[in-house]
């Protein structure tokens, strides 16, 4: 499992993010405080506080780096 912080501070970014991760068969979870939701659920994402970065758990070894490359526009340091 890999963990990164992402920023989804606009409606367009949320839609684009969900479309991006929907291409992958792996499981993705978003963690905000005590809430954990399926990152492929657009309704779930809108239930979170999007004003600050959110933790994304990627349940994959992603040996070739395709997932991380696809998520670069959303990742914050």
PDB file of N, CA and C in Angstrom:
ATOM      1  N   UNK A   1       0.847  -1.178   0.000  1.00  0.00           N
ATOM      2  CA  UNK A   1       0.000   0.000   0.000  1.00  0.00           C
ATOM      3  C   UNK A   1       0.893   1.243   0.000  1.00  0.00           C
ATOM      4  N   UNK A   2       0.494   2.233  -0.751  1.00  0.00           N
ATOM      5  CA  UNK A   2       1.206   3.504  -0.813  1.00  0.00           C
ATOM      6  C   UNK A   2       0.252   4.607  -0.370  1.00  0.00           C
ATOM      7  N   UNK A   3       0.779   5.610   0.309  1.00  0.00           N
ATOM      8  CA  UNK A   3      -0.020   6.723   0.801  1.00  0.00           C
ATOM      9  C   UNK A   3       0.545   8.032   0.277  1.00  0.00           C
ATOM     10  N   UNK A   4      -0.331   8.878  -0.292  1.00  0.00           N
ATOM     11  CA  UNK A   4       0.062  10.206  -0.765  1.00  0.00           C
ATOM     12  C   UNK A   4      -1.002  11.214  -0.325  1.00  0.00           C
ATOM     13  N   UNK A   5      -0.626  12.467  -0.266  1.00  0.00           N
ATOM     14  CA  UNK A   5      -1.583  13.534   0.014  1.00  0.00           C
ATOM     15  C   UNK A   5      -1.985  14.181  -1.299  1.00  0.00           C
ATOM     16  N   UNK A   6      -3.287  14.404  -1.463  1.00  0.00           N
ATOM     17  CA  UNK A   6      -3.786  15.010  -2.689  1.00  0.00           C
ATOM     18  C   UNK A   6      -4.646  16.224  -2.357  1.00  0.00           C
ATOM     19  N   UNK A   7      -4.817  17.076  -3.357  1.00  0.00           N
ATOM     20  CA  UNK A   7      -5.673  18.252  -3.212  1.00  0.00           C
ATOM     21  C   UNK A   7      -6.774  18.184  -4.261  1.00  0.00           C
ATOM     22  N   UNK A   8      -8.016  18.271  -3.810  1.00  0.00           N
ATOM     23  CA  UNK A   8      -9.183  18.269  -4.701  1.00  0.00           C
ATOM     24  C   UNK A   8     -10.025  19.488  -4.352  1.00  0.00           C
ATOM     25  N   UNK A   9      -9.523  20.667  -4.714  1.00  0.00           N
ATOM     26  CA  UNK A   9     -10.151  21.903  -4.257  1.00  0.00           C
ATOM     27  C   UNK A   9     -11.129  22.530  -5.248  1.00  0.00           C
ATOM     28  N   UNK A  10     -11.553  21.772  -6.261  1.00  0.00           N
ATOM     29  CA  UNK A  10     -12.582  22.279  -7.174  1.00  0.00           C
ATOM     30  C   UNK A  10     -13.426  21.115  -7.697  1.00  0.00           C
ATOM     31  N   UNK A  11     -14.610  21.435  -8.164  1.00  0.00           N
ATOM     32  CA  UNK A  11     -15.505  20.401  -8.687  1.00  0.00           C
ATOM     33  C   UNK A  11     -14.888  19.718  -9.899  1.00  0.00           C
ATOM     34  N   UNK A  12     -14.263  20.498 -10.775  1.00  0.00           N
ATOM     35  CA  UNK A  12     -13.637  19.918 -11.964  1.00  0.00           C
ATOM     36  C   UNK A  12     -12.497  18.980 -11.596  1.00  0.00           C
ATOM     37  N   UNK A  13     -11.728  19.343 -10.561  1.00  0.00           N
ATOM     38  CA  UNK A  13     -10.633  18.479 -10.118  1.00  0.00           C
ATOM     39  C   UNK A  13     -11.169  17.157  -9.561  1.00  0.00           C
ATOM     40  N   UNK A  14     -12.276  17.204  -8.833  1.00  0.00           N
ATOM     41  CA  UNK A  14     -12.878  15.986  -8.283  1.00  0.00           C
ATOM     42  C   UNK A  14     -13.336  15.072  -9.420  1.00  0.00           C
ATOM     43  N   UNK A  15     -14.041  15.637 -10.403  1.00  0.00           N
ATOM     44  CA  UNK A  15     -14.520  14.831 -11.527  1.00  0.00           C
ATOM     45  C   UNK A  15     -13.360  14.217 -12.300  1.00  0.00           C
ATOM     46  N   UNK A  16     -12.338  15.003 -12.555  1.00  0.00           N
ATOM     47  CA  UNK A  16     -11.166  14.519 -13.277  1.00  0.00           C
ATOM     48  C   UNK A  16     -10.444  13.423 -12.484  1.00  0.00           C
ATOM     49  N   UNK A  17     -10.321  13.611 -11.162  1.00  0.00           N
ATOM     50  CA  UNK A  17      -9.670  12.625 -10.298  1.00  0.00           C
ATOM     51  C   UNK A  17     -10.411  11.289 -10.333  1.00  0.00           C
ATOM     52  N   UNK A  18     -11.729  11.322 -10.185  1.00  0.00           N
ATOM     53  CA  UNK A  18     -12.525  10.087 -10.191  1.00  0.00           C
ATOM     54  C   UNK A  18     -12.403   9.388 -11.545  1.00  0.00           C
ATOM     55  N   UNK A  19     -12.447  10.141 -12.641  1.00  0.00           N
ATOM     56  CA  UNK A  19     -12.286   9.546 -13.964  1.00  0.00           C
ATOM     57  C   UNK A  19     -10.905   8.927 -14.128  1.00  0.00           C
ATOM     58  N   UNK A  20      -9.889   9.544 -13.560  1.00  0.00           N
ATOM     59  CA  UNK A  20      -8.523   9.030 -13.656  1.00  0.00           C
ATOM     60  C   UNK A  20      -8.374   7.708 -12.916  1.00  0.00           C
ATOM     61  N   UNK A  21      -8.826   7.638 -11.662  1.00  0.00           N
ATOM     62  CA  UNK A  21      -8.613   6.403 -10.896  1.00  0.00           C
ATOM     63  C   UNK A  21      -9.587   5.297 -11.297  1.00  0.00           C
ATOM     64  N   UNK A  22     -10.686   5.645 -11.958  1.00  0.00           N
ATOM     65  CA  UNK A  22     -11.636   4.622 -12.412  1.00  0.00           C
ATOM     66  C   UNK A  22     -11.017   3.727 -13.480  1.00  0.00           C
ATOM     67  N   UNK A  23      -9.955   4.193 -14.121  1.00  0.00           N
ATOM     68  CA  UNK A  23      -9.272   3.384 -15.149  1.00  0.00           C
ATOM     69  C   UNK A  23      -8.498   2.220 -14.549  1.00  0.00           C
ATOM     70  N   UNK A  24      -8.225   2.268 -13.250  1.00  0.00           N
ATOM     71  CA  UNK A  24      -7.417   1.248 -12.584  1.00  0.00           C
ATOM     72  C   UNK A  24      -8.309   0.282 -11.808  1.00  0.00           C
ATOM     73  N   UNK A  25      -7.892  -0.985 -11.754  1.00  0.00           N
ATOM     74  CA  UNK A  25      -8.648  -2.006 -11.026  1.00  0.00           C
ATOM     75  C   UNK A  25      -8.351  -2.003  -9.527  1.00  0.00           C
ATOM     76  N   UNK A  26      -7.281  -1.348  -9.119  1.00  0.00           N
ATOM     77  CA  UNK A  26      -6.889  -1.333  -7.716  1.00  0.00           C
ATOM     78  C   UNK A  26      -7.906  -0.570  -6.870  1.00  0.00           C
ATOM     79  N   UNK A  27      -7.804  -0.781  -5.548  1.00  0.00           N
ATOM     80  CA  UNK A  27      -8.673  -0.069  -4.603  1.00  0.00           C
ATOM     81  C   UNK A  27      -7.974   1.193  -4.114  1.00  0.00           C
ATOM     82  N   UNK A  28      -8.754   2.257  -3.947  1.00  0.00           N
ATOM     83  CA  UNK A  28      -8.260   3.549  -3.470  1.00  0.00           C
ATOM     84  C   UNK A  28      -9.172   4.020  -2.347  1.00  0.00           C
ATOM     85  N   UNK A  29      -8.591   4.474  -1.238  1.00  0.00           N
ATOM     86  CA  UNK A  29      -9.355   5.022  -0.124  1.00  0.00           C
ATOM     87  C   UNK A  29      -8.893   6.441   0.150  1.00  0.00           C
ATOM     88  N   UNK A  30      -9.831   7.324   0.442  1.00  0.00           N
ATOM     89  CA  UNK A  30      -9.513   8.682   0.888  1.00  0.00           C
ATOM     90  C   UNK A  30      -9.765   8.760   2.381  1.00  0.00           C
ATOM     91  N   UNK A  31      -8.815   9.342   3.114  1.00  0.00           N
ATOM     92  CA  UNK A  31      -8.906   9.461   4.561  1.00  0.00           C
ATOM     93  C   UNK A  31      -8.862  10.932   4.929  1.00  0.00           C
ATOM     94  N   UNK A  32      -9.897  11.379   5.622  1.00  0.00           N
ATOM     95  CA  UNK A  32      -9.963  12.759   6.108  1.00  0.00           C
ATOM     96  C   UNK A  32     -10.459  12.698   7.544  1.00  0.00           C
ATOM     97  N   UNK A  33      -9.543  12.949   8.474  1.00  0.00           N
ATOM     98  CA  UNK A  33      -9.902  12.828   9.891  1.00  0.00           C
ATOM     99  C   UNK A  33     -10.252  11.392  10.220  1.00  0.00           C
ATOM    100  N   UNK A  34     -11.454  11.166  10.731  1.00  0.00           N
ATOM    101  CA  UNK A  34     -11.862   9.803  11.075  1.00  0.00           C
ATOM    102  C   UNK A  34     -12.687   9.141   9.989  1.00  0.00           C
ATOM    103  N   UNK A  35     -12.861   9.821   8.856  1.00  0.00           N
ATOM    104  CA  UNK A  35     -13.661   9.281   7.761  1.00  0.00           C
ATOM    105  C   UNK A  35     -12.773   8.618   6.709  1.00  0.00           C
ATOM    106  N   UNK A  36     -13.182   7.448   6.265  1.00  0.00           N
ATOM    107  CA  UNK A  36     -12.507   6.723   5.188  1.00  0.00           C
ATOM    108  C   UNK A  36     -13.567   6.391   4.145  1.00  0.00           C
ATOM    109  N   UNK A  37     -13.349   6.846   2.917  1.00  0.00           N
ATOM    110  CA  UNK A  37     -14.342   6.590   1.865  1.00  0.00           C
ATOM    111  C   UNK A  37     -13.640   6.004   0.631  1.00  0.00           C
ATOM    112  N   UNK A  38     -14.429   5.352  -0.212  1.00  0.00           N
ATOM    113  CA  UNK A  38     -13.936   4.827  -1.478  1.00  0.00           C
ATOM    114  C   UNK A  38     -13.638   6.013  -2.394  1.00  0.00           C
ATOM    115  N   UNK A  39     -12.409   6.108  -2.876  1.00  0.00           N
ATOM    116  CA  UNK A  39     -12.011   7.251  -3.694  1.00  0.00           C
ATOM    117  C   UNK A  39     -12.676   7.259  -5.064  1.00  0.00           C
ATOM    118  N   UNK A  40     -13.286   6.161  -5.463  1.00  0.00           N
ATOM    119  CA  UNK A  40     -13.972   6.103  -6.760  1.00  0.00           C
ATOM    120  C   UNK A  40     -15.420   6.583  -6.649  1.00  0.00           C
ATOM    121  N   UNK A  41     -15.837   6.968  -5.438  1.00  0.00           N
ATOM    122  CA  UNK A  41     -17.194   7.441  -5.197  1.00  0.00           C
ATOM    123  C   UNK A  41     -17.224   8.966  -5.186  1.00  0.00           C
ATOM    124  N   UNK A  42     -17.761   9.543  -6.241  1.00  0.00           N
ATOM    125  CA  UNK A  42     -17.799  11.006  -6.333  1.00  0.00           C
ATOM    126  C   UNK A  42     -18.665  11.606  -5.222  1.00  0.00           C
ATOM    127  N   UNK A  43     -19.746  10.931  -4.859  1.00  0.00           N
ATOM    128  CA  UNK A  43     -20.595  11.420  -3.765  1.00  0.00           C
ATOM    129  C   UNK A  43     -19.857  11.340  -2.430  1.00  0.00           C
ATOM    130  N   UNK A  44     -19.092  10.287  -2.240  1.00  0.00           N
ATOM    131  CA  UNK A  44     -18.299  10.158  -1.025  1.00  0.00           C
ATOM    132  C   UNK A  44     -17.270  11.261  -0.895  1.00  0.00           C
ATOM    133  N   UNK A  45     -16.620  11.598  -2.003  1.00  0.00           N
ATOM    134  CA  UNK A  45     -15.607  12.654  -1.988  1.00  0.00           C
ATOM    135  C   UNK A  45     -16.229  13.989  -1.591  1.00  0.00           C
ATOM    136  N   UNK A  46     -17.417  14.284  -2.125  1.00  0.00           N
ATOM    137  CA  UNK A  46     -18.055  15.556  -1.796  1.00  0.00           C
ATOM    138  C   UNK A  46     -18.540  15.612  -0.345  1.00  0.00           C
ATOM    139  N   UNK A  47     -18.532  14.493   0.363  1.00  0.00           N
ATOM    140  CA  UNK A  47     -18.906  14.509   1.772  1.00  0.00           C
ATOM    141  C   UNK A  47     -17.721  14.885   2.665  1.00  0.00           C
ATOM    142  N   UNK A  48     -16.520  14.989   2.081  1.00  0.00           N
ATOM    143  CA  UNK A  48     -15.316  15.317   2.848  1.00  0.00           C
ATOM    144  C   UNK A  48     -15.036  16.818   2.819  1.00  0.00           C
ATOM    145  N   UNK A  49     -14.172  17.251   3.718  1.00  0.00           N
ATOM    146  CA  UNK A  49     -13.703  18.639   3.743  1.00  0.00           C
ATOM    147  C   UNK A  49     -12.623  18.783   2.666  1.00  0.00           C
ATOM    148  N   UNK A  50     -12.969  19.410   1.552  1.00  0.00           N
ATOM    149  CA  UNK A  50     -12.045  19.522   0.425  1.00  0.00           C
ATOM    150  C   UNK A  50     -11.195  20.785   0.463  1.00  0.00           C
ATOM    151  N   UNK A  51     -11.300  21.551   1.544  1.00  0.00           N
ATOM    152  CA  UNK A  51     -10.541  22.794   1.640  1.00  0.00           C
ATOM    153  C   UNK A  51      -9.078  22.560   2.016  1.00  0.00           C
ATOM    154  N   UNK A  52      -8.742  21.348   2.396  1.00  0.00           N
ATOM    155  CA  UNK A  52      -7.358  21.021   2.752  1.00  0.00           C
ATOM    156  C   UNK A  52      -6.981  19.676   2.125  1.00  0.00           C
ATOM    157  N   UNK A  53      -5.675  19.364   2.073  1.00  0.00           N
ATOM    158  CA  UNK A  53      -5.250  18.099   1.456  1.00  0.00           C
ATOM    159  C   UNK A  53      -5.857  16.883   2.153  1.00  0.00           C
ATOM    160  N   UNK A  54      -6.062  15.838   1.366  1.00  0.00           N
ATOM    161  CA  UNK A  54      -6.665  14.583   1.830  1.00  0.00           C
ATOM    162  C   UNK A  54      -5.657  13.467   1.598  1.00  0.00           C
ATOM    163  N   UNK A  55      -5.638  12.488   2.479  1.00  0.00           N
ATOM    164  CA  UNK A  55      -4.738  11.353   2.337  1.00  0.00           C
ATOM    165  C   UNK A  55      -5.368  10.303   1.428  1.00  0.00           C
ATOM    166  N   UNK A  56      -4.615   9.863   0.420  1.00  0.00           N
ATOM    167  CA  UNK A  56      -5.063   8.823  -0.497  1.00  0.00           C
ATOM    168  C   UNK A  56      -4.250   7.567  -0.247  1.00  0.00           C
ATOM    169  N   UNK A  57      -4.934   6.463   0.081  1.00  0.00           N
ATOM    170  CA  UNK A  57      -4.293   5.164   0.228  1.00  0.00           C
ATOM    171  C   UNK A  57      -4.502   4.376  -1.057  1.00  0.00           C
ATOM    172  N   UNK A  58      -3.404   3.962  -1.676  1.00  0.00           N
ATOM    173  CA  UNK A  58      -3.440   3.193  -2.918  1.00  0.00           C
ATOM    174  C   UNK A  58      -3.108   1.751  -2.559  1.00  0.00           C
ATOM    175  N   UNK A  59      -4.065   0.854  -2.747  1.00  0.00           N
ATOM    176  CA  UNK A  59      -3.867  -0.556  -2.397  1.00  0.00           C
ATOM    177  C   UNK A  59      -3.315  -1.315  -3.591  1.00  0.00           C
ATOM    178  N   UNK A  60      -2.035  -1.056  -3.861  1.00  0.00           N
ATOM    179  CA  UNK A  60      -1.355  -1.667  -4.993  1.00  0.00           C
ATOM    180  C   UNK A  60       0.138  -1.508  -4.788  1.00  0.00           C
ATOM    181  N   UNK A  61       0.920  -2.413  -5.386  1.00  0.00           N
ATOM    182  CA  UNK A  61       2.375  -2.228  -5.320  1.00  0.00           C
ATOM    183  C   UNK A  61       2.844  -1.269  -6.412  1.00  0.00           C
ATOM    184  N   UNK A  62       2.068  -1.097  -7.482  1.00  0.00           N
ATOM    185  CA  UNK A  62       2.337  -0.148  -8.578  1.00  0.00           C
ATOM    186  C   UNK A  62       3.805  -0.147  -8.968  1.00  0.00           C
ATOM    187  N   UNK A  63       4.314  -1.325  -9.282  1.00  0.00           N
ATOM    188  CA  UNK A  63       5.727  -1.482  -9.591  1.00  0.00           C
ATOM    189  C   UNK A  63       6.176  -0.646 -10.789  1.00  0.00           C
ATOM    190  N   UNK A  64       5.315  -0.454 -11.765  1.00  0.00           N
ATOM    191  CA  UNK A  64       5.729   0.305 -12.951  1.00  0.00           C
ATOM    192  C   UNK A  64       5.423   1.798 -12.848  1.00  0.00           C
ATOM    193  N   UNK A  65       4.764   2.249 -11.785  1.00  0.00           N
ATOM    194  CA  UNK A  65       4.545   3.663 -11.537  1.00  0.00           C
ATOM    195  C   UNK A  65       3.437   4.316 -12.335  1.00  0.00           C
ATOM    196  N   UNK A  66       2.591   3.540 -12.999  1.00  0.00           N
ATOM    197  CA  UNK A  66       1.519   4.117 -13.822  1.00  0.00           C
ATOM    198  C   UNK A  66       0.504   4.895 -12.991  1.00  0.00           C
ATOM    199  N   UNK A  67       0.169   4.378 -11.827  1.00  0.00           N
ATOM    200  CA  UNK A  67      -0.828   5.052 -10.986  1.00  0.00           C
ATOM    201  C   UNK A  67      -0.293   6.391 -10.503  1.00  0.00           C
ATOM    202  N   UNK A  68       0.934   6.382  -9.974  1.00  0.00           N
ATOM    203  CA  UNK A  68       1.505   7.635  -9.467  1.00  0.00           C
ATOM    204  C   UNK A  68       1.669   8.666 -10.578  1.00  0.00           C
ATOM    205  N   UNK A  69       2.021   8.226 -11.761  1.00  0.00           N
ATOM    206  CA  UNK A  69       2.159   9.141 -12.896  1.00  0.00           C
ATOM    207  C   UNK A  69       0.811   9.776 -13.237  1.00  0.00           C
ATOM    208  N   UNK A  70      -0.254   8.970 -13.219  1.00  0.00           N
ATOM    209  CA  UNK A  70      -1.591   9.475 -13.534  1.00  0.00           C
ATOM    210  C   UNK A  70      -2.094  10.440 -12.464  1.00  0.00           C
ATOM    211  N   UNK A  71      -1.627  10.269 -11.222  1.00  0.00           N
ATOM    212  CA  UNK A  71      -2.107  11.102 -10.109  1.00  0.00           C
ATOM    213  C   UNK A  71      -1.249  12.349  -9.850  1.00  0.00           C
ATOM    214  N   UNK A  72      -0.200  12.557 -10.631  1.00  0.00           N
ATOM    215  CA  UNK A  72       0.700  13.701 -10.407  1.00  0.00           C
ATOM    216  C   UNK A  72      -0.017  15.051 -10.306  1.00  0.00           C
ATOM    217  N   UNK A  73      -1.050  15.341 -11.127  1.00  0.00           N
ATOM    218  CA  UNK A  73      -1.696  16.657 -11.021  1.00  0.00           C
ATOM    219  C   UNK A  73      -2.404  16.889  -9.687  1.00  0.00           C
ATOM    220  N   UNK A  74      -2.662  15.851  -8.926  1.00  0.00           N
ATOM    221  CA  UNK A  74      -3.425  15.978  -7.680  1.00  0.00           C
ATOM    222  C   UNK A  74      -2.550  15.891  -6.432  1.00  0.00           C
ATOM    223  N   UNK A  75      -1.345  15.363  -6.561  1.00  0.00           N
ATOM    224  CA  UNK A  75      -0.482  15.118  -5.411  1.00  0.00           C
ATOM    225  C   UNK A  75       0.134  16.431  -4.916  1.00  0.00           C
ATOM    226  N   UNK A  76       0.091  16.617  -3.599  1.00  0.00           N
ATOM    227  CA  UNK A  76       0.750  17.765  -2.955  1.00  0.00           C
ATOM    228  C   UNK A  76       1.806  17.240  -1.996  1.00  0.00           C
ATOM    229  N   UNK A  77       2.809  18.045  -1.762  1.00  0.00           N
ATOM    230  CA  UNK A  77       3.902  17.619  -0.873  1.00  0.00           C
ATOM    231  C   UNK A  77       3.677  18.067   0.544  1.00  0.00           C
TER     232      UNK A  77
END
